[in-house]
């Protein structure tokens, strides 16, 4: 299960895609999906972990905000991956057709030119 799979399953396929940052440690952009507008930010750089979590020794931060309400789900995510892997090994996993839209979206994100983003830019993206 992948972030972009979840977006596709819950909110429909991407109708518009922008990439605002693409570095070795950070990718960010904007998606217009059939049922949602999404400013997304993915990083493997712990400088983006909120200070209170970092002070508590946390090394991951996963959050989604919908209509102004944040849901922080950093804990338990490993358990979710393990459950998906067990189902896959038991022959109950997802097939290529299930994840094809997310694969196509990621391919598009990897090749689109980087644009500034303006007001669509994720708040974690530093001004340039």
Foldseek 3Di string as FASTA:
>chain_A
DDPLLVCCVPFNFFPDWAWADDDPFKTWTWTDHNHDTDTDIGGQDQVPPDPVCVVVVDRDWDWDADPRRIDTDRPPVVVVVVVQVVCVVVVNHDDCVSCVSVVVVVVCSVPDDHDNCPPSHDPVDDHD
